[in-house]
């Protein structure tokens, strides 16, 4: 079964002569971080391209895994609380969550949360990510339609300033997330923060333990609530 119409983001991509290769697998109902679903038996499971015995993260695991496997230079994904960024991390690519309202998701996306869900992107490099963003980022008309979602003073117009100075900029570092990281990942993060410091930015350590605790409790409650909904495996009976 193929849809008769395309989402606005797909139309924008095709208008720029982009080619759609296909759809990728994801976690059932976008509610998980593994892309392993009870309905996977009917399809091929998403595998991590660097180690097929590991999962690719989720919920948009197929998008990130496909990019990492070089099936495409980039892919669209969906992000509520990390569904684009988590699989990107697991598959060694870049995951981007734009400001809510800057990508038109009024058609073509069924949100789990109207205040959190947005279409995002995965790519192997920043140049690719910037190019895709410039194609699918909202036009003036789309921005007006989504304007109610935007914080005051925020513009959706793509404007990559390659001469941007970090001088005087303060960047927060949530150190609680570093506690259990692999040493190789910490090396990459420290290299990035050192680079920004040398460019003039002030790196400010942050203690977000209470925020992290609240997020974990909220996410756990949200997942437990899914037990009260009919999912595809029930609907197929």
C-alpha atoms as a PDB file:
ATOM      1  CA  UNK A   1       0.000   0.000   0.000  1.00  0.00           C
ATOM      2  CA  UNK A   2       1.435   3.339  -1.065  1.00  0.00           C
ATOM      3  CA  UNK A   3       0.192   6.774   0.053  1.00  0.00           C
ATOM      4  CA  UNK A   4      -1.527   8.908  -2.545  1.00  0.00           C
ATOM      5  CA  UNK A   5       0.065  12.133  -1.288  1.00  0.00           C
ATOM      6  CA  UNK A   6       3.443  13.104   0.126  1.00  0.00           C
ATOM      7  CA  UNK A   7       4.308  15.023   3.277  1.00  0.00           C
ATOM      8  CA  UNK A   8       5.286  18.699   2.772  1.00  0.00           C
ATOM      9  CA  UNK A   9       8.895  17.898   3.691  1.00  0.00           C
ATOM     10  CA  UNK A  10       9.045  15.229   0.994  1.00  0.00           C
ATOM     11  CA  UNK A  11       7.549  17.640  -1.543  1.00  0.00           C
ATOM     12  CA  UNK A  12      10.151  20.258  -0.607  1.00  0.00           C
ATOM     13  CA  UNK A  13      12.929  17.696  -0.996  1.00  0.00           C
ATOM     14  CA  UNK A  14      11.675  16.549  -4.389  1.00  0.00           C
ATOM     15  CA  UNK A  15      11.340  20.169  -5.522  1.00  0.00           C
ATOM     16  CA  UNK A  16      15.102  20.454  -4.949  1.00  0.00           C
ATOM     17  CA  UNK A  17      15.596  17.404  -7.231  1.00  0.00           C
ATOM     18  CA  UNK A  18      16.041  15.101  -4.256  1.00  0.00           C
ATOM     19  CA  UNK A  19      15.490  11.366  -4.703  1.00  0.00           C
ATOM     20  CA  UNK A  20      13.493   9.360  -2.159  1.00  0.00           C
ATOM     21  CA  UNK A  21      15.003   5.884  -1.786  1.00  0.00           C
ATOM     22  CA  UNK A  22      12.384   4.440   0.531  1.00  0.00           C
ATOM     23  CA  UNK A  23      11.111   4.130   4.076  1.00  0.00           C
ATOM     24  CA  UNK A  24      13.095   2.685   6.970  1.00  0.00           C
ATOM     25  CA  UNK A  25      12.139   0.582   9.972  1.00  0.00           C
ATOM     26  CA  UNK A  26      11.614   2.125  13.391  1.00  0.00           C
ATOM     27  CA  UNK A  27      10.469   1.199  16.877  1.00  0.00           C
ATOM     28  CA  UNK A  28       6.775   0.405  17.188  1.00  0.00           C
ATOM     29  CA  UNK A  29       4.733   3.585  17.804  1.00  0.00           C
ATOM     30  CA  UNK A  30       8.021   5.510  18.186  1.00  0.00           C
ATOM     31  CA  UNK A  31       7.998   4.324  21.806  1.00  0.00           C
ATOM     32  CA  UNK A  32      11.386   2.743  22.372  1.00  0.00           C
ATOM     33  CA  UNK A  33      15.123   3.137  21.992  1.00  0.00           C
ATOM     34  CA  UNK A  34      16.068  -0.138  20.281  1.00  0.00           C
ATOM     35  CA  UNK A  35      14.022  -0.343  17.049  1.00  0.00           C
ATOM     36  CA  UNK A  36      13.245  -3.910  18.128  1.00  0.00           C
ATOM     37  CA  UNK A  37       9.479  -4.318  18.040  1.00  0.00           C
ATOM     38  CA  UNK A  38       7.045  -7.175  18.706  1.00  0.00           C
ATOM     39  CA  UNK A  39       5.996  -6.899  15.057  1.00  0.00           C
ATOM     40  CA  UNK A  40       9.576  -7.326  13.813  1.00  0.00           C
ATOM     41  CA  UNK A  41       8.855 -10.978  12.991  1.00  0.00           C
ATOM     42  CA  UNK A  42       6.932  -9.785   9.943  1.00  0.00           C
ATOM     43  CA  UNK A  43       9.846  -7.685   8.688  1.00  0.00           C
ATOM     44  CA  UNK A  44      13.617  -7.657   8.661  1.00  0.00           C
ATOM     45  CA  UNK A  45      14.914  -6.275  11.966  1.00  0.00           C
ATOM     46  CA  UNK A  46      17.114  -3.177  11.944  1.00  0.00           C
ATOM     47  CA  UNK A  47      20.733  -4.107  12.683  1.00  0.00           C
ATOM     48  CA  UNK A  48      23.564  -1.888  13.820  1.00  0.00           C
ATOM     49  CA  UNK A  49      25.802  -1.540  10.745  1.00  0.00           C
ATOM     50  CA  UNK A  50      28.971  -1.623  12.867  1.00  0.00           C
ATOM     51  CA  UNK A  51      28.008  -4.712  14.851  1.00  0.00           C
ATOM     52  CA  UNK A  52      24.990  -6.727  13.782  1.00  0.00           C
ATOM     53  CA  UNK A  53      24.706  -8.298  17.241  1.00  0.00           C
ATOM     54  CA  UNK A  54      23.825  -4.856  18.650  1.00  0.00           C
ATOM     55  CA  UNK A  55      20.695  -2.805  18.133  1.00  0.00           C
ATOM     56  CA  UNK A  56      20.893   0.559  16.288  1.00  0.00           C
ATOM     57  CA  UNK A  57      19.086   2.665  18.894  1.00  0.00           C
ATOM     58  CA  UNK A  58      15.681   4.185  18.350  1.00  0.00           C
ATOM     59  CA  UNK A  59      13.096   5.018  17.710  1.00  0.00           C
ATOM     60  CA  UNK A  60      14.291   6.100  14.230  1.00  0.00           C
ATOM     61  CA  UNK A  61      16.880   3.328  14.131  1.00  0.00           C
ATOM     62  CA  UNK A  62      16.473   2.569  10.437  1.00  0.00           C
ATOM     63  CA  UNK A  63      17.199   6.163   9.426  1.00  0.00           C
ATOM     64  CA  UNK A  64      20.520   6.355  11.281  1.00  0.00           C
ATOM     65  CA  UNK A  65      21.569   2.794  10.401  1.00  0.00           C
ATOM     66  CA  UNK A  66      20.880   3.407   6.710  1.00  0.00           C
ATOM     67  CA  UNK A  67      23.013   6.542   6.720  1.00  0.00           C
ATOM     68  CA  UNK A  68      25.819   4.794   8.621  1.00  0.00           C
ATOM     69  CA  UNK A  69      25.703   1.898   6.129  1.00  0.00           C
ATOM     70  CA  UNK A  70      26.070   4.459   3.314  1.00  0.00           C
ATOM     71  CA  UNK A  71      22.751   3.643   1.723  1.00  0.00           C
ATOM     72  CA  UNK A  72      22.144   7.405   1.559  1.00  0.00           C
ATOM     73  CA  UNK A  73      24.009  10.576   2.575  1.00  0.00           C
ATOM     74  CA  UNK A  74      21.179  11.576   4.911  1.00  0.00           C
ATOM     75  CA  UNK A  75      17.734  10.598   6.156  1.00  0.00           C
ATOM     76  CA  UNK A  76      14.744  12.200   7.809  1.00  0.00           C
ATOM     77  CA  UNK A  77      13.796  10.949  11.261  1.00  0.00           C
ATOM     78  CA  UNK A  78      11.475  11.895  14.123  1.00  0.00           C
ATOM     79  CA  UNK A  79      12.418  13.157  17.553  1.00  0.00           C
ATOM     80  CA  UNK A  80      10.298  13.433  20.691  1.00  0.00           C
ATOM     81  CA  UNK A  81      12.916  12.974  23.387  1.00  0.00           C
ATOM     82  CA  UNK A  82      15.907  11.635  21.468  1.00  0.00           C
ATOM     83  CA  UNK A  83      14.482   9.355  18.768  1.00  0.00           C
ATOM     84  CA  UNK A  84      16.696  10.921  16.112  1.00  0.00           C
ATOM     85  CA  UNK A  85      19.756  11.675  18.242  1.00  0.00           C
ATOM     86  CA  UNK A  86      19.959   8.343  20.111  1.00  0.00           C
ATOM     87  CA  UNK A  87      20.207   6.116  17.012  1.00  0.00           C
ATOM     88  CA  UNK A  88      22.601   8.600  15.431  1.00  0.00           C
ATOM     89  CA  UNK A  89      24.875   8.164  18.436  1.00  0.00           C
ATOM     90  CA  UNK A  90      24.558   4.363  18.340  1.00  0.00           C
ATOM     91  CA  UNK A  91      25.433   4.256  14.636  1.00  0.00           C
ATOM     92  CA  UNK A  92      28.201   6.867  14.639  1.00  0.00           C
ATOM     93  CA  UNK A  93      26.465   9.568  12.581  1.00  0.00           C
ATOM     94  CA  UNK A  94      25.108  13.039  13.327  1.00  0.00           C
ATOM     95  CA  UNK A  95      21.559  13.474  14.597  1.00  0.00           C
ATOM     96  CA  UNK A  96      19.835  16.855  14.436  1.00  0.00           C
ATOM     97  CA  UNK A  97      16.693  17.986  16.242  1.00  0.00           C
ATOM     98  CA  UNK A  98      15.579  21.415  14.955  1.00  0.00           C
ATOM     99  CA  UNK A  99      13.675  23.967  17.007  1.00  0.00           C
ATOM    100  CA  UNK A 100      10.079  22.785  17.307  1.00  0.00           C
ATOM    101  CA  UNK A 101       8.044  24.377  14.526  1.00  0.00           C
ATOM    102  CA  UNK A 102      10.893  24.954  12.068  1.00  0.00           C
ATOM    103  CA  UNK A 103      10.219  21.763  10.106  1.00  0.00           C
ATOM    104  CA  UNK A 104       6.705  21.387   8.762  1.00  0.00           C
ATOM    105  CA  UNK A 105       5.235  18.357  10.494  1.00  0.00           C
ATOM    106  CA  UNK A 106       1.597  19.384  10.203  1.00  0.00           C
ATOM    107  CA  UNK A 107       1.055  16.648   7.631  1.00  0.00           C
ATOM    108  CA  UNK A 108       2.877  13.361   7.299  1.00  0.00           C
ATOM    109  CA  UNK A 109       3.734  12.872  10.979  1.00  0.00           C
ATOM    110  CA  UNK A 110       1.502  11.421  13.691  1.00  0.00           C
ATOM    111  CA  UNK A 111       2.984  12.930  16.867  1.00  0.00           C
ATOM    112  CA  UNK A 112       3.283  11.120  20.165  1.00  0.00           C
ATOM    113  CA  UNK A 113       3.422  14.579  21.758  1.00  0.00           C
ATOM    114  CA  UNK A 114       2.145  17.737  20.089  1.00  0.00           C
ATOM    115  CA  UNK A 115       4.494  19.830  22.235  1.00  0.00           C
ATOM    116  CA  UNK A 116       7.638  17.755  21.664  1.00  0.00           C
ATOM    117  CA  UNK A 117       7.543  15.907  18.334  1.00  0.00           C
ATOM    118  CA  UNK A 118       9.418  17.243  15.345  1.00  0.00           C
ATOM    119  CA  UNK A 119      10.951  15.838  12.194  1.00  0.00           C
ATOM    120  CA  UNK A 120      14.744  15.776  12.376  1.00  0.00           C
ATOM    121  CA  UNK A 121      17.651  14.604  10.259  1.00  0.00           C
ATOM    122  CA  UNK A 122      20.595  12.206  10.318  1.00  0.00           C
ATOM    123  CA  UNK A 123      23.732  12.579   8.194  1.00  0.00           C
ATOM    124  CA  UNK A 124      27.362  11.448   8.124  1.00  0.00           C
ATOM    125  CA  UNK A 125      28.859  14.954   8.191  1.00  0.00           C
ATOM    126  CA  UNK A 126      28.029  18.553   9.042  1.00  0.00           C
ATOM    127  CA  UNK A 127      28.174  19.715   5.419  1.00  0.00           C
ATOM    128  CA  UNK A 128      25.524  17.166   4.450  1.00  0.00           C
ATOM    129  CA  UNK A 129      23.411  18.051   7.476  1.00  0.00           C
ATOM    130  CA  UNK A 130      23.545  21.774   6.690  1.00  0.00           C
ATOM    131  CA  UNK A 131      22.591  21.136   3.060  1.00  0.00           C
ATOM    132  CA  UNK A 132      19.599  18.952   3.954  1.00  0.00           C
ATOM    133  CA  UNK A 133      18.489  21.476   6.570  1.00  0.00           C
ATOM    134  CA  UNK A 134      18.564  24.274   4.000  1.00  0.00           C
ATOM    135  CA  UNK A 135      16.266  22.226   1.735  1.00  0.00           C
ATOM    136  CA  UNK A 136      13.581  21.121   4.174  1.00  0.00           C
ATOM    137  CA  UNK A 137      13.593  24.018   6.656  1.00  0.00           C
ATOM    138  CA  UNK A 138      10.316  25.917   6.613  1.00  0.00           C
ATOM    139  CA  UNK A 139       9.559  28.552   4.022  1.00  0.00           C
ATOM    140  CA  UNK A 140       7.835  31.784   5.103  1.00  0.00           C
ATOM    141  CA  UNK A 141       4.430  30.205   4.538  1.00  0.00           C
ATOM    142  CA  UNK A 142       5.276  27.161   6.638  1.00  0.00           C
ATOM    143  CA  UNK A 143       6.733  29.346   9.383  1.00  0.00           C
ATOM    144  CA  UNK A 144       3.480  31.296   9.611  1.00  0.00           C
ATOM    145  CA  UNK A 145       1.548  28.039   9.886  1.00  0.00           C
ATOM    146  CA  UNK A 146       3.795  26.778  12.681  1.00  0.00           C
ATOM    147  CA  UNK A 147       4.437  30.159  14.280  1.00  0.00           C
ATOM    148  CA  UNK A 148       2.446  29.363  17.411  1.00  0.00           C
ATOM    149  CA  UNK A 149       5.010  26.678  18.279  1.00  0.00           C
ATOM    150  CA  UNK A 150       8.033  28.972  18.106  1.00  0.00           C
ATOM    151  CA  UNK A 151       9.533  30.818  21.084  1.00  0.00           C
ATOM    152  CA  UNK A 152       9.445  34.639  20.776  1.00  0.00           C
ATOM    153  CA  UNK A 153      12.182  35.977  18.537  1.00  0.00           C
ATOM    154  CA  UNK A 154      13.087  32.620  17.002  1.00  0.00           C
ATOM    155  CA  UNK A 155      13.328  32.513  13.217  1.00  0.00           C
ATOM    156  CA  UNK A 156      13.248  29.352  11.140  1.00  0.00           C
ATOM    157  CA  UNK A 157      15.158  30.799   8.212  1.00  0.00           C
ATOM    158  CA  UNK A 158      18.341  28.840   7.540  1.00  0.00           C
ATOM    159  CA  UNK A 159      21.369  31.069   8.051  1.00  0.00           C
ATOM    160  CA  UNK A 160      24.702  29.319   8.477  1.00  0.00           C
ATOM    161  CA  UNK A 161      27.286  31.944   9.428  1.00  0.00           C
ATOM    162  CA  UNK A 162      30.651  30.357   8.685  1.00  0.00           C
ATOM    163  CA  UNK A 163      32.377  33.363  10.259  1.00  0.00           C
ATOM    164  CA  UNK A 164      30.560  32.923  13.577  1.00  0.00           C
ATOM    165  CA  UNK A 165      32.737  33.809  16.558  1.00  0.00           C
ATOM    166  CA  UNK A 166      32.623  31.875  19.825  1.00  0.00           C
ATOM    167  CA  UNK A 167      34.133  34.829  21.691  1.00  0.00           C
ATOM    168  CA  UNK A 168      32.002  35.615  24.749  1.00  0.00           C
ATOM    169  CA  UNK A 169      29.659  32.663  24.154  1.00  0.00           C
ATOM    170  CA  UNK A 170      28.765  30.512  27.191  1.00  0.00           C
ATOM    171  CA  UNK A 171      28.112  26.816  26.519  1.00  0.00           C
ATOM    172  CA  UNK A 172      26.699  24.549  29.223  1.00  0.00           C
ATOM    173  CA  UNK A 173      28.155  21.084  29.820  1.00  0.00           C
ATOM    174  CA  UNK A 174      25.736  18.680  31.581  1.00  0.00           C
ATOM    175  CA  UNK A 175      28.460  16.661  33.297  1.00  0.00           C
ATOM    176  CA  UNK A 176      26.022  14.095  34.694  1.00  0.00           C
ATOM    177  CA  UNK A 177      25.706  12.585  31.234  1.00  0.00           C
ATOM    178  CA  UNK A 178      29.466  11.946  31.118  1.00  0.00           C
ATOM    179  CA  UNK A 179      29.590   9.684  34.194  1.00  0.00           C
ATOM    180  CA  UNK A 180      29.246   6.287  32.491  1.00  0.00           C
ATOM    181  CA  UNK A 181      30.542   7.091  29.014  1.00  0.00           C
ATOM    182  CA  UNK A 182      33.129   4.996  27.223  1.00  0.00           C
ATOM    183  CA  UNK A 183      36.607   6.601  27.465  1.00  0.00           C
ATOM    184  CA  UNK A 184      36.779   6.874  23.675  1.00  0.00           C
ATOM    185  CA  UNK A 185      33.584   8.950  23.637  1.00  0.00           C
ATOM    186  CA  UNK A 186      34.875  11.166  26.448  1.00  0.00           C
ATOM    187  CA  UNK A 187      38.022  11.804  24.385  1.00  0.00           C
ATOM    188  CA  UNK A 188      35.888  12.982  21.458  1.00  0.00           C
ATOM    189  CA  UNK A 189      33.807  15.245  23.711  1.00  0.00           C
ATOM    190  CA  UNK A 190      36.866  16.732  25.400  1.00  0.00           C
ATOM    191  CA  UNK A 191      38.453  17.391  22.022  1.00  0.00           C
ATOM    192  CA  UNK A 192      35.304  19.241  20.920  1.00  0.00           C
ATOM    193  CA  UNK A 193      35.077  21.312  24.103  1.00  0.00           C
ATOM    194  CA  UNK A 194      38.793  22.162  23.916  1.00  0.00           C
ATOM    195  CA  UNK A 195      38.302  23.310  20.336  1.00  0.00           C
ATOM    196  CA  UNK A 196      35.423  25.600  21.341  1.00  0.00           C
ATOM    197  CA  UNK A 197      37.388  26.939  24.318  1.00  0.00           C
ATOM    198  CA  UNK A 198      40.316  27.833  22.093  1.00  0.00           C
ATOM    199  CA  UNK A 199      37.839  29.609  19.818  1.00  0.00           C
ATOM    200  CA  UNK A 200      36.797  31.839  22.728  1.00  0.00           C
ATOM    201  CA  UNK A 201      33.793  30.062  24.252  1.00  0.00           C
ATOM    202  CA  UNK A 202      33.371  29.728  28.008  1.00  0.00           C
ATOM    203  CA  UNK A 203      32.517  26.144  28.951  1.00  0.00           C
ATOM    204  CA  UNK A 204      30.208  26.069  31.998  1.00  0.00           C
ATOM    205  CA  UNK A 205      29.730  22.748  33.881  1.00  0.00           C
ATOM    206  CA  UNK A 206      26.072  22.141  34.780  1.00  0.00           C
ATOM    207  CA  UNK A 207      24.466  19.899  37.381  1.00  0.00           C
ATOM    208  CA  UNK A 208      21.245  18.616  35.846  1.00  0.00           C
ATOM    209  CA  UNK A 209      20.759  15.619  38.139  1.00  0.00           C
ATOM    210  CA  UNK A 210      17.249  16.685  39.157  1.00  0.00           C
ATOM    211  CA  UNK A 211      16.263  17.245  35.531  1.00  0.00           C
ATOM    212  CA  UNK A 212      17.661  13.857  34.519  1.00  0.00           C
ATOM    213  CA  UNK A 213      15.797  12.155  37.377  1.00  0.00           C
ATOM    214  CA  UNK A 214      12.539  13.841  36.406  1.00  0.00           C
ATOM    215  CA  UNK A 215      13.028  12.873  32.772  1.00  0.00           C
ATOM    216  CA  UNK A 216      13.643   9.235  33.652  1.00  0.00           C
ATOM    217  CA  UNK A 217      10.512   9.096  35.814  1.00  0.00           C
ATOM    218  CA  UNK A 218       8.406  10.811  33.154  1.00  0.00           C
ATOM    219  CA  UNK A 219       9.669   8.550  30.360  1.00  0.00           C
ATOM    220  CA  UNK A 220       9.068   5.419  32.421  1.00  0.00           C
ATOM    221  CA  UNK A 221       5.509   6.510  33.149  1.00  0.00           C
ATOM    222  CA  UNK A 222       4.862   7.271  29.503  1.00  0.00           C
ATOM    223  CA  UNK A 223       6.068   3.832  28.417  1.00  0.00           C
ATOM    224  CA  UNK A 224       3.991   2.046  31.046  1.00  0.00           C
ATOM    225  CA  UNK A 225       0.937   3.892  29.748  1.00  0.00           C
ATOM    226  CA  UNK A 226       1.388   2.223  26.366  1.00  0.00           C
ATOM    227  CA  UNK A 227       0.193  -1.020  27.935  1.00  0.00           C
ATOM    228  CA  UNK A 228      -3.306   0.453  27.916  1.00  0.00           C
ATOM    229  CA  UNK A 229      -3.378   1.128  24.170  1.00  0.00           C
ATOM    230  CA  UNK A 230      -4.030  -1.206  21.286  1.00  0.00           C
ATOM    231  CA  UNK A 231      -0.824  -1.592  19.306  1.00  0.00           C
ATOM    232  CA  UNK A 232      -0.323  -3.046  15.808  1.00  0.00           C
ATOM    233  CA  UNK A 233       0.147  -6.566  17.185  1.00  0.00           C
ATOM    234  CA  UNK A 234      -3.321  -6.407  18.809  1.00  0.00           C
ATOM    235  CA  UNK A 235      -4.948  -4.804  15.794  1.00  0.00           C
ATOM    236  CA  UNK A 236      -3.598  -7.539  13.514  1.00  0.00           C
ATOM    237  CA  UNK A 237      -5.351 -10.323  15.426  1.00  0.00           C
END
